[in-house]
C-alpha atoms as a PDB file:
ATOM      1  CA  MET A   1      18.839 -36.455  14.517  1.00  0.00           C
ATOM      2  CA  THR A   2      20.397 -32.920  15.116  1.00  0.00           C
ATOM      3  CA  GLU A   3      23.464 -31.429  13.188  1.00  0.00           C
ATOM      4  CA  GLN A   4      25.339 -30.857  16.330  1.00  0.00           C
ATOM      5  CA  GLN A   5      25.155 -34.830  16.816  1.00  0.00           C
ATOM      6  CA  GLN A   6      26.223 -35.514  13.203  1.00  0.00           C
ATOM      7  CA  PRO A   7      29.792 -36.938  13.300  1.00  0.00           C
ATOM      8  CA  THR A   8      32.262 -35.713  10.934  1.00  0.00           C
ATOM      9  CA  PRO A   9      32.698 -38.215   8.079  1.00  0.00           C
ATOM     10  CA  GLN A  10      36.296 -39.662   7.428  1.00  0.00           C
ATOM     11  CA  ASP A  11      37.595 -40.856   4.253  1.00  0.00           C
ATOM     12  CA  GLU A  12      37.771 -44.891   4.105  1.00  0.00           C
ATOM     13  CA  THR A  13      41.387 -44.743   3.547  1.00  0.00           C
ATOM     14  CA  THR A  14      42.510 -42.515   6.515  1.00  0.00           C
ATOM     15  CA  THR A  15      44.036 -44.239   9.327  1.00  0.00           C
ATOM     16  CA  THR A  16      41.791 -43.755  12.431  1.00  0.00           C
ATOM     17  CA  GLU A  17      42.641 -43.693  16.291  1.00  0.00           C
ATOM     18  CA  VAL A  18      42.960 -46.842  18.251  1.00  0.00           C
ATOM     19  CA  ASN A  19      40.474 -47.768  20.285  1.00  0.00           C
ATOM     20  CA  ASN A  20      42.082 -48.128  23.873  1.00  0.00           C
ATOM     21  CA  ASN A  21      39.615 -50.883  25.190  1.00  0.00           C
ATOM     22  CA  ASN A  22      40.231 -53.573  22.702  1.00  0.00           C
ATOM     23  CA  ASN A  23      43.114 -52.104  20.593  1.00  0.00           C
ATOM     24  CA  ILE A  24      41.329 -52.198  17.381  1.00  0.00           C
ATOM     25  CA  SER A  25      40.981 -49.004  15.199  1.00  0.00           C
ATOM     26  CA  LYS A  26      37.692 -47.825  13.963  1.00  0.00           C
ATOM     27  CA  GLU A  27      38.518 -48.353  10.420  1.00  0.00           C
ATOM     28  CA  GLU A  28      39.412 -52.081  11.198  1.00  0.00           C
ATOM     29  CA  MET A  29      36.173 -52.536  13.134  1.00  0.00           C
ATOM     30  CA  ARG A  30      34.357 -51.243  10.057  1.00  0.00           C
ATOM     31  CA  GLU A  31      36.200 -53.797   7.812  1.00  0.00           C
ATOM     32  CA  VAL A  32      35.029 -56.401  10.046  1.00  0.00           C
ATOM     33  CA  HIS A  33      31.506 -55.852   9.653  1.00  0.00           C
ATOM     34  CA  HIS A  34      31.567 -54.376   6.194  1.00  0.00           C
ATOM     35  CA  LEU A  35      29.997 -57.569   4.444  1.00  0.00           C
ATOM     36  CA  LYS A  36      27.062 -57.594   6.841  1.00  0.00           C
ATOM     37  CA  VAL A  37      25.809 -54.438   5.332  1.00  0.00           C
ATOM     38  CA  ASP A  38      23.624 -55.445   2.604  1.00  0.00           C
ATOM     39  CA  THR A  39      23.430 -52.829  -0.457  1.00  0.00           C
ATOM     40  CA  ARG A  40      19.756 -53.236  -0.403  1.00  0.00           C
ATOM     41  CA  PHE A  41      19.720 -50.889   2.871  1.00  0.00           C
ATOM     42  CA  ALA A  42      20.340 -48.205   0.432  1.00  0.00           C
ATOM     43  CA  MET A  43      16.750 -48.559  -0.955  1.00  0.00           C
ATOM     44  CA  ILE A  44      15.556 -47.589   2.708  1.00  0.00           C
ATOM     45  CA  ARG A  45      15.596 -44.250   2.675  1.00  0.00           C
ATOM     46  CA  VAL A  46      15.708 -41.925   5.987  1.00  0.00           C
ATOM     47  CA  GLU A  47      13.399 -38.845   6.239  1.00  0.00           C
ATOM     48  CA  PRO A  48      14.998 -35.895   7.571  1.00  0.00           C
ATOM     49  CA  LYS A  49      13.302 -33.487  10.134  1.00  0.00           C
ATOM     50  CA  VAL A  50      13.090 -29.787   9.547  1.00  0.00           C
ATOM     51  CA  GLY A  51      16.771 -28.462   9.011  1.00  0.00           C
ATOM     52  CA  GLU A  52      18.232 -31.839   8.683  1.00  0.00           C
ATOM     53  CA  GLY A  53      17.980 -32.143   4.896  1.00  0.00           C
ATOM     54  CA  SER A  54      20.753 -29.690   4.065  1.00  0.00           C
ATOM     55  CA  ASP A  55      23.053 -31.181   6.143  1.00  0.00           C
ATOM     56  CA  ALA A  56      25.629 -32.784   4.191  1.00  0.00           C
ATOM     57  CA  ASN A  57      26.481 -35.389   7.002  1.00  0.00           C
ATOM     58  CA  PHE A  58      22.840 -36.717   7.149  1.00  0.00           C
ATOM     59  CA  PRO A  59      22.558 -40.409   6.741  1.00  0.00           C
ATOM     60  CA  ARG A  60      20.236 -40.629   3.660  1.00  0.00           C
ATOM     61  CA  ASN A  61      19.522 -44.271   3.669  1.00  0.00           C
ATOM     62  CA  LEU A  62      20.117 -47.285   5.958  1.00  0.00           C
ATOM     63  CA  HIS A  63      23.277 -48.261   4.390  1.00  0.00           C
ATOM     64  CA  ASN A  64      24.595 -44.742   5.306  1.00  0.00           C
ATOM     65  CA  ALA A  65      23.206 -44.963   8.910  1.00  0.00           C
ATOM     66  CA  ALA A  66      24.908 -48.412   9.333  1.00  0.00           C
ATOM     67  CA  GLU A  67      28.281 -46.839   8.208  1.00  0.00           C
ATOM     68  CA  LEU A  68      27.706 -44.087  10.272  1.00  0.00           C
ATOM     69  CA  PHE A  69      27.291 -46.339  13.610  1.00  0.00           C
ATOM     70  CA  LEU A  70      30.326 -48.168  12.550  1.00  0.00           C
ATOM     71  CA  ARG A  71      32.468 -44.984  12.084  1.00  0.00           C
ATOM     72  CA  VAL A  72      31.604 -43.761  15.770  1.00  0.00           C
ATOM     73  CA  ASN A  73      32.272 -47.217  17.031  1.00  0.00           C
ATOM     74  CA  MET A  74      28.672 -47.881  17.656  1.00  0.00           C
ATOM     75  CA  VAL A  75      29.014 -51.595  16.817  1.00  0.00           C
ATOM     76  CA  GLU A  76      26.275 -53.003  18.625  1.00  0.00           C
ATOM     77  CA  ALA A  77      23.895 -50.209  17.066  1.00  0.00           C
ATOM     78  CA  ALA A  78      25.096 -51.244  13.889  1.00  0.00           C
ATOM     79  CA  ASP A  79      24.347 -55.070  14.458  1.00  0.00           C
ATOM     80  CA  ARG A  80      20.792 -54.460  15.758  1.00  0.00           C
ATOM     81  CA  LEU A  81      20.193 -52.136  12.814  1.00  0.00           C
ATOM     82  CA  GLN A  82      21.498 -55.027  10.328  1.00  0.00           C
ATOM     83  CA  GLN A  83      19.529 -57.531  11.862  1.00  0.00           C
ATOM     84  CA  CYS A  84      16.255 -55.474  12.021  1.00  0.00           C
ATOM     85  CA  THR A  85      16.703 -54.802   8.436  1.00  0.00           C
ATOM     86  CA  SER A  86      17.609 -57.853   6.985  1.00  0.00           C
ATOM     87  CA  SER A  87      14.465 -59.583   8.901  1.00  0.00           C
ATOM     88  CA  MET A  88      12.268 -57.260   7.204  1.00  0.00           C
ATOM     89  CA  LEU A  89      13.901 -58.006   3.685  1.00  0.00           C
ATOM     90  CA  ASP A  90      13.681 -61.752   4.345  1.00  0.00           C
ATOM     91  CA  ILE A  91      10.108 -61.578   5.123  1.00  0.00           C
ATOM     92  CA  TYR A  92       9.332 -59.813   1.829  1.00  0.00           C
ATOM     93  CA  ALA A  93      11.539 -62.505   0.425  1.00  0.00           C
ATOM     94  CA  THR A  94       8.703 -65.300   1.239  1.00  0.00           C
ATOM     95  CA  ASN A  95       5.719 -63.063  -0.303  1.00  0.00           C
ATOM     96  CA  PRO A  96       3.870 -62.833   2.845  1.00  0.00           C
ATOM     97  CA  ASP A  97       0.013 -62.285   2.762  1.00  0.00           C
ATOM     98  CA  GLY A  98       0.455 -59.116   5.017  1.00  0.00           C
ATOM     99  CA  SER A  99      -1.880 -60.633   7.560  1.00  0.00           C
ATOM    100  CA  THR A 100      -0.676 -63.949   9.139  1.00  0.00           C
ATOM    101  CA  GLY A 101       1.735 -63.283  12.172  1.00  0.00           C
ATOM    102  CA  VAL A 102       3.063 -59.866  10.730  1.00  0.00           C
ATOM    103  CA  SER A 103       2.548 -56.100  11.169  1.00  0.00           C
ATOM    104  CA  ILE A 104       2.955 -53.535   8.585  1.00  0.00           C
ATOM    105  CA  GLY A 105       3.224 -49.532   8.800  1.00  0.00           C
ATOM    106  CA  ARG A 106       5.331 -46.725   8.912  1.00  0.00           C
ATOM    107  CA  ALA A 107       8.954 -47.402  10.509  1.00  0.00           C
ATOM    108  CA  CYS A 108      11.487 -45.459  12.300  1.00  0.00           C
ATOM    109  CA  VAL A 109      14.992 -45.690  13.108  1.00  0.00           C
ATOM    110  CA  CYS A 110      16.655 -44.841  16.461  1.00  0.00           C
ATOM    111  CA  TRP A 111      20.150 -43.141  16.443  1.00  0.00           C
ATOM    112  CA  ASN A 112      20.287 -44.387  20.254  1.00  0.00           C
ATOM    113  CA  CYS A 113      20.276 -48.133  19.939  1.00  0.00           C
ATOM    114  CA  GLY A 114      19.969 -48.843  16.045  1.00  0.00           C
ATOM    115  CA  HIS A 115      16.704 -50.503  16.187  1.00  0.00           C
ATOM    116  CA  VAL A 116      14.611 -50.049  13.015  1.00  0.00           C
ATOM    117  CA  GLY A 117      11.092 -50.991  12.926  1.00  0.00           C
ATOM    118  CA  LEU A 118       7.287 -49.985  13.668  1.00  0.00           C
ATOM    119  CA  PRO A 119       7.177 -47.455  16.648  1.00  0.00           C
ATOM    120  CA  GLN A 120       5.831 -48.108  19.955  1.00  0.00           C
ATOM    121  CA  GLN A 121       2.743 -46.007  19.264  1.00  0.00           C
ATOM    122  CA  HIS A 122       1.894 -48.857  16.528  1.00  0.00           C
ATOM    123  CA  TYR A 123       1.271 -51.510  19.135  1.00  0.00           C
ATOM    124  CA  GLU A 124      -0.886 -49.304  21.594  1.00  0.00           C
ATOM    125  CA  LYS A 125      -4.186 -50.497  21.285  1.00  0.00           C
ATOM    126  CA  GLU A 126      -5.381 -46.939  21.746  1.00  0.00           C
ATOM    127  CA  ASP A 127      -4.545 -43.775  23.350  1.00  0.00           C
ATOM    128  CA  THR A 128      -5.572 -42.503  26.804  1.00  0.00           C
ATOM    129  CA  PRO A 129      -8.819 -41.056  26.308  1.00  0.00           C
ATOM    130  CA  GLU A 130      -9.005 -37.563  26.341  1.00  0.00           C
ATOM    131  CA  GLU A 131     -11.228 -36.053  29.459  1.00  0.00           C
ATOM    132  CA  GLN A 132     -14.623 -34.908  28.101  1.00  0.00           C
ATOM    133  CA  GLU A 133     -15.585 -31.387  28.609  1.00  0.00           C
ATOM    134  CA  PRO A 134     -19.121 -30.698  29.868  1.00  0.00           C
ATOM    135  CA  THR A 135     -21.400 -29.490  27.061  1.00  0.00           C
ATOM    136  CA  ASP A 136     -24.661 -28.143  26.979  1.00  0.00           C
ATOM    137  CA  THR A 137     -27.305 -30.558  25.517  1.00  0.00           C
ATOM    138  CA  ALA A 138     -29.082 -27.959  23.423  1.00  0.00           C
ATOM    139  CA  THR A 139     -26.252 -26.090  21.833  1.00  0.00           C
ATOM    140  CA  GLY A 140     -23.570 -28.767  22.097  1.00  0.00           C
ATOM    141  CA  LYS A 141     -20.860 -25.973  23.203  1.00  0.00           C
ATOM    142  CA  SER A 142     -18.802 -26.490  26.310  1.00  0.00           C
ATOM    143  CA  THR A 143     -19.709 -25.206  29.527  1.00  0.00           C
ATOM    144  CA  ASN A 144     -16.454 -25.438  31.180  1.00  0.00           C
ATOM    145  CA  LYS A 145     -15.545 -21.992  31.703  1.00  0.00           C
ATOM    146  CA  THR A 146     -11.771 -23.109  32.586  1.00  0.00           C
ATOM    147  CA  PRO A 147      -9.364 -24.479  29.834  1.00  0.00           C
ATOM    148  CA  ASN A 148      -9.008 -28.453  30.045  1.00  0.00           C
ATOM    149  CA  LYS A 149      -5.074 -28.537  30.804  1.00  0.00           C
ATOM    150  CA  LYS A 150      -5.045 -32.325  30.545  1.00  0.00           C
ATOM    151  CA  SER A 151      -6.702 -32.317  27.338  1.00  0.00           C
ATOM    152  CA  SER A 152      -4.260 -29.726  26.186  1.00  0.00           C
ATOM    153  CA  LYS A 153      -1.411 -31.856  27.349  1.00  0.00           C
ATOM    154  CA  SER A 154      -2.730 -35.097  25.565  1.00  0.00           C
ATOM    155  CA  LYS A 155      -3.026 -33.422  22.198  1.00  0.00           C
ATOM    156  CA  LYS A 156       0.660 -32.200  22.412  1.00  0.00           C
ATOM    157  CA  ALA A 157       1.768 -35.481  23.560  1.00  0.00           C
ATOM    158  CA  LYS A 158      -0.273 -37.005  20.499  1.00  0.00           C
ATOM    159  CA  LYS A 159       1.125 -34.356  18.025  1.00  0.00           C
ATOM    160  CA  LYS A 160       4.634 -35.368  19.036  1.00  0.00           C
ATOM    161  CA  LYS A 161       3.803 -38.963  18.649  1.00  0.00           C
ATOM    162  CA  ASP A 162       2.565 -38.114  15.219  1.00  0.00           C
ATOM    163  CA  GLU A 163       5.880 -36.219  14.337  1.00  0.00           C
ATOM    164  CA  TYR A 164       8.271 -38.678  16.148  1.00  0.00           C
ATOM    165  CA  GLY A 165       8.237 -42.270  16.175  1.00  0.00           C
ATOM    166  CA  VAL A 166       9.187 -43.839  19.426  1.00  0.00           C
ATOM    167  CA  CYS A 167      11.610 -46.412  19.465  1.00  0.00           C
ATOM    168  CA  ARG A 168      10.207 -49.679  20.535  1.00  0.00           C
ATOM    169  CA  LYS A 169      13.657 -51.049  21.994  1.00  0.00           C
ATOM    170  CA  CYS A 170      14.943 -48.172  24.246  1.00  0.00           C
ATOM    171  CA  LYS A 171      11.688 -45.826  24.133  1.00  0.00           C
ATOM    172  CA  GLU A 172      13.591 -42.829  22.565  1.00  0.00           C
ATOM    173  CA  ASP A 173      11.161 -40.541  21.454  1.00  0.00           C
ATOM    174  CA  ASP A 174      13.214 -37.659  20.139  1.00  0.00           C
ATOM    175  CA  GLN A 175      16.416 -39.106  18.147  1.00  0.00           C
ATOM    176  CA  THR A 176      14.295 -41.080  15.683  1.00  0.00           C
ATOM    177  CA  ASN A 177      13.937 -40.467  12.099  1.00  0.00           C
ATOM    178  CA  TRP A 178      11.143 -42.086   9.911  1.00  0.00           C
ATOM    179  CA  VAL A 179      12.315 -44.463   7.228  1.00  0.00           C
ATOM    180  CA  ARG A 180      10.818 -45.188   3.734  1.00  0.00           C
ATOM    181  CA  VAL A 181      11.050 -48.396   1.980  1.00  0.00           C
ATOM    182  CA  VAL A 182      11.404 -47.710  -1.577  1.00  0.00           C
ATOM    183  CA  ARG A 183      10.499 -50.506  -4.056  1.00  0.00           C
ATOM    184  CA  GLN A 184      13.328 -51.671  -6.100  1.00  0.00           C
ATOM    185  CA  LEU A 185      12.719 -51.570  -9.969  1.00  0.00           C
ATOM    186  CA  GLU A 186      14.515 -52.929 -12.943  1.00  0.00           C
ATOM    187  CA  VAL A 187      16.922 -50.731 -14.664  1.00  0.00           C
ATOM    188  CA  ASN A 188      15.032 -48.978 -17.550  1.00  0.00           C
ATOM    189  CA  SER A 189      11.843 -50.130 -16.529  1.00  0.00           C
ATOM    190  CA  GLY A 190      10.596 -46.789 -16.884  1.00  0.00           C
ATOM    191  CA  SER A 191       8.271 -47.021 -13.869  1.00  0.00           C
ATOM    192  CA  THR A 192       8.196 -44.780 -10.993  1.00  0.00           C
ATOM    193  CA  PRO A 193       9.756 -46.034  -7.739  1.00  0.00           C
ATOM    194  CA  SER A 194       7.016 -46.394  -5.128  1.00  0.00           C
ATOM    195  CA  ASP A 195       7.315 -47.100  -1.337  1.00  0.00           C
ATOM    196  CA  LEU A 196       6.414 -50.377   0.526  1.00  0.00           C
ATOM    197  CA  PRO A 197       5.141 -50.511   4.091  1.00  0.00           C
ATOM    198  CA  TRP A 198       7.818 -51.731   6.642  1.00  0.00           C
ATOM    199  CA  ILE A 199       6.946 -55.383   7.655  1.00  0.00           C
ATOM    200  CA  GLU A 200       8.009 -57.460  10.889  1.00  0.00           C
ATOM    201  CA  LYS A 201       6.948 -60.265  12.926  1.00  0.00           C
ATOM    202  CA  THR A 202       3.998 -59.186  15.295  1.00  0.00           C
ATOM    203  CA  PRO A 203       5.951 -59.114  18.875  1.00  0.00           C
ATOM    204  CA  LEU A 204       4.088 -60.912  21.582  1.00  0.00           C
ATOM    205  CA  THR A 205       1.803 -59.314  24.139  1.00  0.00           C
ATOM    206  CA  PRO A 206       3.277 -59.254  27.631  1.00  0.00           C
ATOM    207  CA  GLU A 207       0.904 -62.345  28.096  1.00  0.00           C
ATOM    208  CA  GLN A 208       1.893 -64.288  25.255  1.00  0.00           C
ATOM    209  CA  GLN A 209       5.494 -63.440  26.465  1.00  0.00           C
ATOM    210  CA  ALA A 210       4.993 -64.640  29.945  1.00  0.00           C
ATOM    211  CA  LYS A 211       3.271 -67.864  28.726  1.00  0.00           C
ATOM    212  CA  LYS A 212       6.245 -68.192  26.169  1.00  0.00           C
ATOM    213  CA  ASP A 213       8.614 -67.689  28.926  1.00  0.00           C
ATOM    214  CA  ALA A 214       7.026 -70.353  31.135  1.00  0.00           C
ATOM    215  CA  ALA A 215       6.751 -72.851  28.649  1.00  0.00           C
ATOM    216  CA  ASP A 216      10.775 -72.514  27.592  1.00  0.00           C
ATOM    217  CA  LYS A 217      11.357 -72.708  31.390  1.00  0.00           C
ATOM    218  CA  ALA A 218       9.280 -75.826  31.673  1.00  0.00           C
ATOM    219  CA  ALA A 219      11.114 -77.474  28.568  1.00  0.00           C
ATOM    220  CA  LYS A 220      14.243 -76.392  29.771  1.00  0.00           C
ATOM    221  CA  ARG A 221      13.680 -78.018  33.123  1.00  0.00           C
ATOM    222  CA  LYS A 222      12.611 -80.980  31.695  1.00  0.00           C
ATOM    223  CA  GLU A 223      15.760 -81.088  29.353  1.00  0.00           C
ATOM    224  CA  ILE A 224      17.736 -80.994  32.400  1.00  0.00           C
ATOM    225  CA  GLU A 225      16.093 -83.565  34.523  1.00  0.00           C
ATOM    226  CA  ALA A 226      16.267 -85.922  31.409  1.00  0.00           C
ATOM    227  CA  ASN A 227      19.930 -85.151  31.041  1.00  0.00           C
ATOM    228  CA  VAL A 228      20.351 -85.770  34.978  1.00  0.00           C
ATOM    229  CA  ALA A 229      18.320 -88.985  34.891  1.00  0.00           C
ATOM    230  CA  ALA A 230      20.450 -90.337  31.900  1.00  0.00           C
ATOM    231  CA  GLU A 231      23.717 -89.418  33.566  1.00  0.00           C
ATOM    232  CA  LEU A 232      22.503 -91.248  36.602  1.00  0.00           C
ATOM    233  CA  ALA A 233      21.488 -94.288  34.783  1.00  0.00           C
ATOM    234  CA  LYS A 234      24.793 -94.356  32.781  1.00  0.00           C
ATOM    235  CA  ARG A 235      26.756 -94.285  36.142  1.00  0.00           C
ATOM    236  CA  LEU A 236      24.697 -96.708  37.760  1.00  0.00           C
ATOM    237  CA  ALA A 237      25.338 -98.997  34.761  1.00  0.00           C
ATOM    238  CA  ALA A 238      28.989 -98.571  34.989  1.00  0.00           C
ATOM    239  CA  SER A 239      28.934 -99.217  38.533  1.00  0.00           C
ATOM    240  CA  THR A 240      27.104-102.534  38.152  1.00  0.00           C
ATOM    241  CA  THR A 241      29.424-103.563  35.432  1.00  0.00           C
ATOM    242  CA  VAL A 242      32.594-102.827  37.542  1.00  0.00           C
ATOM    243  CA  SER A 243      31.026-104.788  40.576  1.00  0.00           C
ATOM    244  CA  SER A 244      30.233-107.715  38.328  1.00  0.00           C
ATOM    245  CA  SER A 245      33.717-107.673  37.004  1.00  0.00           C
ATOM    246  CA  ALA A 246      35.275-108.009  40.442  1.00  0.00           C
ATOM    247  CA  GLU A 247      32.951-110.640  41.474  1.00  0.00           C
ATOM    248  CA  GLU A 248      33.794-112.636  38.686  1.00  0.00           C
ATOM    249  CA  LYS A 249      37.426-112.105  39.238  1.00  0.00           C
ATOM    250  CA  GLU A 250      36.856-113.235  42.977  1.00  0.00           C
ATOM    251  CA  ASN A 251      34.913-116.406  41.971  1.00  0.00           C
ATOM    252  CA  SER A 252      37.730-117.204  39.335  1.00  0.00           C
ATOM    253  CA  GLY A 253      40.469-117.028  42.218  1.00  0.00           C
ATOM    254  CA  GLU A 254      38.490-119.148  44.529  1.00  0.00           C
ATOM    255  CA  CYS A 255      38.408-121.794  41.910  1.00  0.00           C
END
């Protein structure tokens, strides 16, 4: 997150200008979402890039980040940050074994969409293999007299991936920062705070997602068909009752 893109912080008691779309001030919008921001978010630190650490406006933790999104009226991003972070904290609350249906690693926060979680490269099975240069079997040295441009580009791309987390939600690869989950210790425990890995439910593979979507679609279709059948049976029963009642009245009149 660059210095130029940092919004100027405003005092919480200052009245802000009114949003023309919904006639709600940014300050009022912050109040509406205030209770959603868990104070434990402050234990998740945002790691500044080179040159960002000295910026007074830089959000130091995810609590600051959520406030920042609300301050600039990025409510959807604030909600997404809240959902992602709360989900991570909820998983830790169940004492997970770290292997069943979850993934752990280093997470990043995206300033474009508000997503917080393991980056895209975490779930990539393997990087595209670099093109091998021809080598001398005796010396092991390269016999290629021209530089391998593809290999150079691949190394640069990998270096950027190592430096920046790629947002798995919107694929943003520049406006992101790594985050650290700091273990919360008891007051006066005398222990040094340590980091915890980010933990989240492992997302489905495209094949698994396709199967899930197909199963959900089939279940929905079955539910609709059952509802239609029930409604038809209900109408048929009502029609039969009316017909029987009319017939009884007609027979009664003949007598």
